[in-house]
Amino acid sequence: MQYTTLGATGVKVSRLCLGTMNFGLATDQEESFAILDLARERGVNFLDTADFYGLPAGTGVSESILGRWLSERGCRDELVLATKAYATMEPMGPNDRGLSAYHLRRACMQSLKRLQTDHIDVYYLHHYDRGLRGLPELANVGRTAEDDLRPGVSGTLAPSFSEILDALQRLWLQDKITYFATANFPAWALTHLHDLARERNLPRPAAEQCHYNLSCRKAEVELAPACRALGVGLVTYSPLEGGLLGGWAKLKERNRLKGVQLPPERERQLKQYDELCGSIGLPPADVAMAWLLSREPVSAVVLGPRTAAQLADSLRVLEIKLPRDFLKKLDEIFPGPGAEAPEFYGW
């Protein structure tokens, strides 16, 4: 296994992070335990879950499976455990979602109980709260009377960045969380949260988890540069873009069964990708993950295996080093934005 530090922190995490979104969804407890056992055996020490994962959604099924495994194996102190809070949780009252101090406190306590642990190593804010009141100087710019009637806009209906940091500080001082992180945040919000934490002498975000892969490279414009500049580790999910990058033949058969037809240009792109991967004898899925591991400032790639066999196949990507000329050909097939901001927007 390969390890790296998570952003500017001192904690070392495996470059491949075991995501448990399928636990209690597509994967039952027995197979989930087999996946976890294999991951531990192969040196994966970074585990990722969320309170919302599993079915029924919002009942903490994935966390509960993981908690039972941790209890049975007695290996909690070997692992860097991450979970998330934001999404709607049962019993689905008005405070059962979002980033208010009220919800974060309760969500953290419930996650700790389900995970059967006394602390969470990396606590993610699972999504940017669109009603955040984090910039007081802009609070009334362009505001209309109708805004006060819109959910998430009125000042009484959404938390501020200060409130979020207050809640995280309390959890940190109580030793309930070791690091906090963000997920699906825009670059400006991550930067603002980071700077406000620094001004208050609080721990800064350790990581940002985002959707990033060969087919979806929007993060290269602002988010990845912000993470690099701030010392925030970039943790990526959906490395195969929902199976799109897993191989043309497999995708074509799956789409045939589902009655899905891709645009001709997309088909040509994926066929070119298949041919390029074949030219060096590597499966497209392995190439997609190896490409992500080569990107700066990616700390870890989240895998979401449904079976132990799928995890075993994914672990071999750590042995792959893609040649420079091959990386250039990948850029030709899946062109990124071409430049980071501000060059992306103009000269």
Protein backbone atom coordinates (compact mmCIF):
# COMPACT_ATOMS: atom_id res chain seq x y z
CA MET A 1 0.00 0.00 0.00
CA GLN A 2 1.10 3.57 -0.62
CA TYR A 3 0.49 6.27 1.98
CA THR A 4 0.54 10.04 1.96
CA THR A 5 -0.31 12.82 4.36
CA LEU A 6 -3.83 14.19 4.15
CA GLY A 7 -3.23 17.72 2.91
CA ALA A 8 -1.12 19.74 5.35
CA THR A 9 -1.96 17.49 8.30
CA GLY A 10 0.45 14.96 9.77
CA VAL A 11 -1.88 11.97 9.47
CA LYS A 12 -0.92 9.34 6.90
CA VAL A 13 -3.70 7.81 4.81
CA SER A 14 -3.69 5.13 2.14
CA ARG A 15 -3.83 6.52 -1.40
CA LEU A 16 -6.86 4.29 -1.96
CA CYS A 17 -9.71 5.06 0.42
CA LEU A 18 -12.39 2.43 0.98
CA GLY A 19 -15.78 4.00 0.37
CA THR A 20 -18.75 2.23 1.94
CA MET A 21 -21.63 3.84 0.06
CA ASN A 22 -22.71 0.40 -1.22
CA PHE A 23 -22.86 -1.14 2.26
CA GLY A 24 -26.51 -1.78 3.01
CA LEU A 25 -27.41 -0.72 -0.53
CA ALA A 26 -25.93 -3.10 -3.11
CA THR A 27 -23.83 -5.06 -0.60
CA ASP A 28 -25.10 -7.04 2.39
CA GLN A 29 -23.32 -7.22 5.73
CA GLU A 30 -21.49 -10.49 5.01
CA GLU A 31 -19.93 -9.20 1.80
CA SER A 32 -19.26 -5.81 3.44
CA PHE A 33 -17.25 -7.58 6.13
CA ALA A 34 -15.31 -9.47 3.46
CA ILE A 35 -14.48 -6.19 1.70
CA LEU A 36 -13.36 -4.59 4.96
CA ASP A 37 -11.24 -7.61 5.90
CA LEU A 38 -9.49 -7.57 2.53
CA ALA A 39 -8.91 -3.83 2.70
CA ARG A 40 -7.36 -4.13 6.15
CA GLU A 41 -5.20 -7.07 5.06
CA ARG A 42 -3.90 -5.09 2.07
CA GLY A 43 -3.04 -2.01 4.13
CA VAL A 44 -5.99 0.27 3.37
CA ASN A 45 -6.25 2.42 6.50
CA PHE A 46 -8.61 5.17 5.23
CA LEU A 47 -12.32 4.31 5.50
CA ASP A 48 -15.08 6.60 4.25
CA THR A 49 -18.77 6.51 5.08
CA ALA A 50 -21.66 8.91 5.74
CA ASP A 51 -24.70 8.97 8.00
CA PHE A 52 -26.98 9.00 4.93
CA TYR A 53 -25.54 5.93 3.16
CA GLY A 54 -27.52 2.69 2.88
CA LEU A 55 -31.20 1.85 2.69
CA PRO A 56 -33.52 3.07 4.02
CA ALA A 57 -31.69 6.34 3.37
CA GLY A 58 -31.16 8.51 6.41
CA THR A 59 -31.11 5.64 8.91
CA GLY A 60 -27.34 5.16 9.13
CA VAL A 61 -27.22 1.62 7.70
CA SER A 62 -23.71 1.90 6.23
CA GLU A 63 -22.31 3.36 9.46
CA SER A 64 -23.99 0.60 11.48
CA ILE A 65 -22.43 -2.16 9.35
CA LEU A 66 -19.04 -0.52 9.65
CA GLY A 67 -19.50 -0.09 13.41
CA ARG A 68 -20.30 -3.77 13.88
CA TRP A 69 -17.19 -4.74 11.92
CA LEU A 70 -15.00 -2.39 13.97
CA SER A 71 -16.39 -3.85 17.18
CA GLU A 72 -15.88 -7.47 16.09
CA ARG A 73 -12.38 -6.97 14.69
CA GLY A 74 -11.14 -4.64 17.45
CA CYS A 75 -9.03 -2.67 14.97
CA ARG A 76 -10.35 0.87 15.44
CA ASP A 77 -6.98 2.37 16.35
CA GLU A 78 -5.39 1.08 13.12
CA LEU A 79 -7.69 3.15 10.94
CA VAL A 80 -8.42 6.70 9.82
CA LEU A 81 -12.20 6.80 9.96
CA ALA A 82 -14.20 9.41 8.05
CA THR A 83 -17.92 10.09 8.02
CA LYS A 84 -20.15 12.96 6.94
CA ALA A 85 -23.10 15.08 8.03
CA TYR A 86 -25.58 17.23 6.11
CA ALA A 87 -28.22 15.09 4.42
CA THR A 88 -31.75 14.56 5.71
CA MET A 89 -31.89 11.98 8.49
CA GLU A 90 -34.85 10.34 10.19
CA PRO A 91 -37.19 11.32 11.78
CA MET A 92 -37.01 14.14 9.18
CA GLY A 93 -38.05 17.13 11.21
CA PRO A 94 -37.07 20.69 10.21
CA ASN A 95 -33.64 20.38 11.87
CA ASP A 96 -32.73 16.95 10.54
CA ARG A 97 -30.47 18.22 7.77
CA GLY A 98 -28.01 21.00 6.97
CA LEU A 99 -25.02 22.47 8.77
CA SER A 100 -26.60 24.19 11.77
CA ALA A 101 -24.82 23.71 15.09
CA TYR A 102 -27.95 21.93 16.28
CA HIS A 103 -27.85 19.38 13.48
CA LEU A 104 -24.06 18.89 13.46
CA ARG A 105 -23.97 18.13 17.18
CA ARG A 106 -26.81 15.62 16.98
CA ALA A 107 -25.52 14.06 13.74
CA CYS A 108 -22.07 13.57 15.23
CA MET A 109 -23.42 11.93 18.39
CA GLN A 110 -25.59 9.57 16.35
CA SER A 111 -22.70 8.67 14.01
CA LEU A 112 -20.45 7.88 16.98
CA LYS A 113 -23.10 5.56 18.37
CA ARG A 114 -23.63 3.72 15.08
CA LEU A 115 -19.88 3.45 14.44
CA GLN A 116 -19.32 2.16 17.98
CA THR A 117 -16.42 4.51 18.56
CA ASP A 118 -15.67 7.53 20.74
CA HIS A 119 -14.15 9.69 17.99
CA ILE A 120 -14.26 10.37 14.25
CA ASP A 121 -10.92 11.06 12.59
CA VAL A 122 -12.17 13.08 9.61
CA TYR A 123 -15.60 14.69 9.91
CA TYR A 124 -16.90 15.96 6.58
CA LEU A 125 -19.46 18.68 5.97
CA HIS A 126 -21.15 16.58 3.29
CA HIS A 127 -22.42 19.46 1.17
CA TYR A 128 -22.27 23.22 0.99
CA ASP A 129 -25.36 24.69 2.65
CA ARG A 130 -26.79 26.99 -0.04
CA GLY A 131 -28.27 29.30 2.54
CA LEU A 132 -24.99 30.01 4.35
CA ARG A 133 -24.66 33.50 5.81
CA GLY A 134 -20.88 33.55 5.83
CA LEU A 135 -20.20 36.93 4.26
CA PRO A 136 -21.98 39.63 6.32
CA GLU A 137 -20.72 42.43 4.11
CA LEU A 138 -22.64 40.91 1.19
CA ALA A 139 -25.76 39.94 3.10
CA ASN A 140 -28.00 42.66 1.69
CA VAL A 141 -26.49 43.09 -1.77
CA GLY A 142 -29.23 42.58 -4.36
CA ARG A 143 -31.64 41.42 -1.67
CA THR A 144 -35.36 41.80 -2.28
CA ALA A 145 -38.43 41.44 -0.10
CA GLU A 146 -39.18 38.12 -1.82
CA ASP A 147 -35.82 36.74 -0.67
CA ASP A 148 -37.05 36.69 2.92
CA LEU A 149 -39.74 34.24 1.90
CA ARG A 150 -37.41 31.79 0.16
CA PRO A 151 -36.14 28.79 2.18
CA GLY A 152 -32.38 28.93 2.65
CA VAL A 153 -32.19 32.67 1.98
CA SER A 154 -33.71 34.25 5.05
CA GLY A 155 -31.15 34.81 7.78
CA THR A 156 -33.27 32.85 10.24
CA LEU A 157 -33.23 29.72 8.10
CA ALA A 158 -29.56 29.03 7.53
CA PRO A 159 -26.34 28.87 9.57
CA SER A 160 -23.33 31.11 9.18
CA PHE A 161 -19.75 29.96 8.68
CA SER A 162 -19.09 31.17 12.22
CA GLU A 163 -21.85 28.96 13.58
CA ILE A 164 -20.43 25.95 11.74
CA LEU A 165 -16.95 26.61 13.10
CA ASP A 166 -18.35 27.07 16.61
CA ALA A 167 -20.01 23.65 16.37
CA LEU A 168 -16.89 21.97 14.97
CA GLN A 169 -14.71 23.60 17.63
CA ARG A 170 -16.90 22.20 20.39
CA LEU A 171 -16.75 18.71 18.88
CA TRP A 172 -12.98 19.04 18.50
CA LEU A 173 -12.43 20.24 22.09
CA GLN A 174 -14.59 17.34 23.30
CA ASP A 175 -12.31 14.99 21.30
CA LYS A 176 -15.28 13.78 19.25
CA ILE A 177 -13.52 14.69 15.99
CA THR A 178 -9.83 14.93 15.11
CA TYR A 179 -10.03 16.79 11.78
CA PHE A 180 -12.87 18.39 9.89
CA ALA A 181 -13.20 18.51 6.13
CA THR A 182 -15.58 19.61 3.40
CA ALA A 183 -17.25 17.80 0.51
CA ASN A 184 -18.84 19.23 -2.63
CA PHE A 185 -17.89 22.77 -1.60
CA PRO A 186 -17.20 25.54 -4.13
CA ALA A 187 -13.64 26.83 -4.03
CA TRP A 188 -14.64 30.26 -2.71
CA ALA A 189 -16.55 28.73 0.23
CA LEU A 190 -13.69 26.37 1.10
CA THR A 191 -11.29 29.33 1.03
CA HIS A 192 -13.56 31.50 3.15
CA LEU A 193 -14.03 28.73 5.73
CA HIS A 194 -10.28 28.10 5.80
CA ASP A 195 -9.41 31.76 6.31
CA LEU A 196 -12.05 32.28 8.99
CA ALA A 197 -10.75 29.25 10.89
CA ARG A 198 -7.22 30.60 10.66
CA GLU A 199 -8.32 34.02 11.95
CA ARG A 200 -9.91 32.31 14.94
CA ASN A 201 -6.87 30.07 15.56
CA LEU A 202 -8.93 26.97 14.87
CA PRO A 203 -7.91 23.87 12.88
CA ARG A 204 -8.35 24.44 9.16
CA PRO A 205 -10.13 22.02 6.77
CA ALA A 206 -7.98 18.94 6.29
CA ALA A 207 -9.53 17.83 3.02
CA GLU A 208 -12.12 18.50 0.35
CA GLN A 209 -13.91 15.54 -1.21
CA CYS A 210 -15.19 16.16 -4.71
CA HIS A 211 -16.38 14.58 -7.95
CA TYR A 212 -13.29 14.35 -10.17
CA ASN A 213 -12.18 11.92 -12.86
CA LEU A 214 -10.95 11.77 -16.46
CA SER A 215 -14.40 12.53 -17.79
CA CYS A 216 -15.26 15.24 -15.25
CA ARG A 217 -12.36 17.69 -14.82
CA LYS A 218 -14.15 20.88 -13.75
CA ALA A 219 -12.34 20.76 -10.40
CA GLU A 220 -9.12 21.71 -12.21
CA VAL A 221 -10.34 25.27 -12.79
CA GLU A 222 -10.70 26.51 -9.21
CA LEU A 223 -11.12 23.76 -6.61
CA ALA A 224 -7.88 21.80 -7.13
CA PRO A 225 -5.76 24.98 -7.26
CA ALA A 226 -7.44 26.22 -4.07
CA CYS A 227 -6.69 22.95 -2.29
CA ARG A 228 -3.07 23.09 -3.40
CA ALA A 229 -2.66 26.70 -2.26
CA LEU A 230 -4.36 26.12 1.11
CA GLY A 231 -2.73 22.79 1.93
CA VAL A 232 -6.08 20.99 1.76
CA GLY A 233 -5.98 17.36 0.65
CA LEU A 234 -8.14 16.56 -2.37
CA VAL A 235 -10.06 13.31 -1.98
CA THR A 236 -11.92 12.24 -5.10
CA TYR A 237 -14.99 10.10 -5.62
CA SER A 238 -16.62 8.46 -8.66
CA PRO A 239 -13.28 7.56 -10.32
CA LEU A 240 -15.04 5.61 -13.09
CA GLU A 241 -17.86 8.14 -13.61
CA GLY A 242 -20.53 5.59 -12.76
CA GLY A 243 -18.99 2.91 -15.00
CA LEU A 244 -18.44 5.17 -18.01
CA LEU A 245 -14.65 4.68 -17.77
CA GLY A 246 -14.79 0.98 -16.95
CA GLY A 247 -14.53 -0.31 -20.53
CA TRP A 248 -16.54 0.22 -23.70
CA ALA A 249 -17.67 -3.38 -24.21
CA LYS A 250 -19.00 -3.66 -20.66
CA LEU A 251 -20.69 -0.25 -20.86
CA LYS A 252 -22.23 -0.99 -24.25
CA GLU A 253 -23.83 -4.21 -22.96
CA ARG A 254 -25.09 -2.50 -19.81
CA ASN A 255 -26.62 0.32 -21.84
CA ARG A 256 -28.21 -2.18 -24.23
CA LEU A 257 -29.94 -3.93 -21.35
CA LYS A 258 -31.14 -0.60 -19.97
CA GLY A 259 -32.14 0.79 -23.36
CA VAL A 260 -29.67 3.68 -23.04
CA GLN A 261 -28.10 5.25 -26.13
CA LEU A 262 -25.02 7.47 -25.79
CA PRO A 263 -24.44 10.37 -28.17
CA PRO A 264 -22.25 9.34 -31.16
CA GLU A 265 -19.45 11.70 -30.11
CA ARG A 266 -19.37 10.15 -26.66
CA GLU A 267 -19.23 6.64 -28.15
CA ARG A 268 -16.28 7.62 -30.35
CA GLN A 269 -14.49 9.07 -27.32
CA LEU A 270 -14.94 5.93 -25.22
CA LYS A 271 -13.87 3.66 -28.08
CA GLN A 272 -10.70 5.73 -28.51
CA TYR A 273 -10.09 5.43 -24.78
CA ASP A 274 -10.53 1.64 -24.91
CA GLU A 275 -8.09 1.38 -27.81
CA LEU A 276 -5.51 3.55 -26.08
CA CYS A 277 -5.70 1.48 -22.89
CA GLY A 278 -5.41 -1.70 -24.97
CA SER A 279 -2.25 -0.36 -26.60
CA ILE A 280 -0.42 -0.69 -23.27
CA GLY A 281 -2.33 -3.74 -22.09
CA LEU A 282 -4.21 -2.12 -19.20
CA PRO A 283 -7.92 -2.27 -18.35
CA PRO A 284 -9.66 1.11 -18.77
CA ALA A 285 -10.79 1.10 -15.12
CA ASP A 286 -7.19 0.74 -13.94
CA VAL A 287 -6.04 3.55 -16.20
CA ALA A 288 -8.76 5.88 -14.91
CA MET A 289 -7.75 5.33 -11.29
CA ALA A 290 -4.01 5.46 -12.00
CA TRP A 291 -4.55 8.80 -13.78
CA LEU A 292 -6.29 10.20 -10.70
CA LEU A 293 -3.48 9.06 -8.41
CA SER A 294 -1.02 10.95 -10.61
CA ARG A 295 -2.87 14.26 -10.24
CA GLU A 296 -1.85 17.02 -7.89
CA PRO A 297 -3.04 17.65 -5.16
CA VAL A 298 -5.00 14.37 -4.93
CA SER A 299 -4.34 12.69 -1.58
CA ALA A 300 -6.65 9.71 -1.98
CA VAL A 301 -9.14 8.16 -4.38
CA VAL A 302 -12.35 6.78 -2.90
CA LEU A 303 -13.28 3.32 -4.18
CA GLY A 304 -16.83 2.03 -3.88
CA PRO A 305 -16.61 -1.76 -4.41
CA ARG A 306 -19.73 -3.90 -4.26
CA THR A 307 -17.72 -7.10 -3.74
CA ALA A 308 -14.37 -8.16 -2.32
CA ALA A 309 -13.37 -9.31 -5.82
CA GLN A 310 -13.93 -5.79 -7.17
CA LEU A 311 -11.74 -4.36 -4.42
CA ALA A 312 -8.97 -6.88 -5.16
CA ASP A 313 -9.01 -5.81 -8.81
CA SER A 314 -8.82 -2.13 -7.88
CA LEU A 315 -5.84 -2.48 -5.55
CA ARG A 316 -3.49 -3.34 -8.43
CA VAL A 317 -3.64 0.24 -9.74
CA LEU A 318 -1.02 1.22 -7.18
CA GLU A 319 1.55 -0.63 -9.28
CA ILE A 320 0.77 1.39 -12.41
CA LYS A 321 2.81 4.40 -13.50
CA LEU A 322 1.47 5.92 -16.70
CA PRO A 323 4.11 7.17 -19.19
CA ARG A 324 4.19 10.90 -19.93
CA ASP A 325 3.34 10.47 -23.62
CA PHE A 326 0.38 8.27 -22.63
CA LEU A 327 -0.89 10.99 -20.27
CA LYS A 328 -0.77 13.45 -23.16
CA LYS A 329 -2.89 11.12 -25.28
CA LEU A 330 -5.40 10.86 -22.45
CA ASP A 331 -5.62 14.66 -22.44
CA GLU A 332 -6.39 14.58 -26.16
CA ILE A 333 -9.27 12.15 -25.64
CA PHE A 334 -10.57 13.73 -22.43
CA PRO A 335 -9.46 17.37 -22.66
CA GLY A 336 -9.57 19.21 -19.39
CA PRO A 337 -10.40 22.90 -19.04
CA GLY A 338 -7.01 23.76 -20.51
CA ALA A 339 -5.98 26.13 -17.74
CA GLU A 340 -6.57 26.98 -14.12
CA ALA A 341 -8.27 30.19 -13.08
CA PRO A 342 -7.69 33.03 -13.84
CA GLU A 343 -6.20 32.00 -17.21
CA PHE A 344 -9.24 29.80 -17.78
CA TYR A 345 -11.43 32.92 -17.83
CA GLY A 346 -9.17 35.28 -19.74
CA TRP A 347 -5.61 36.48 -20.36
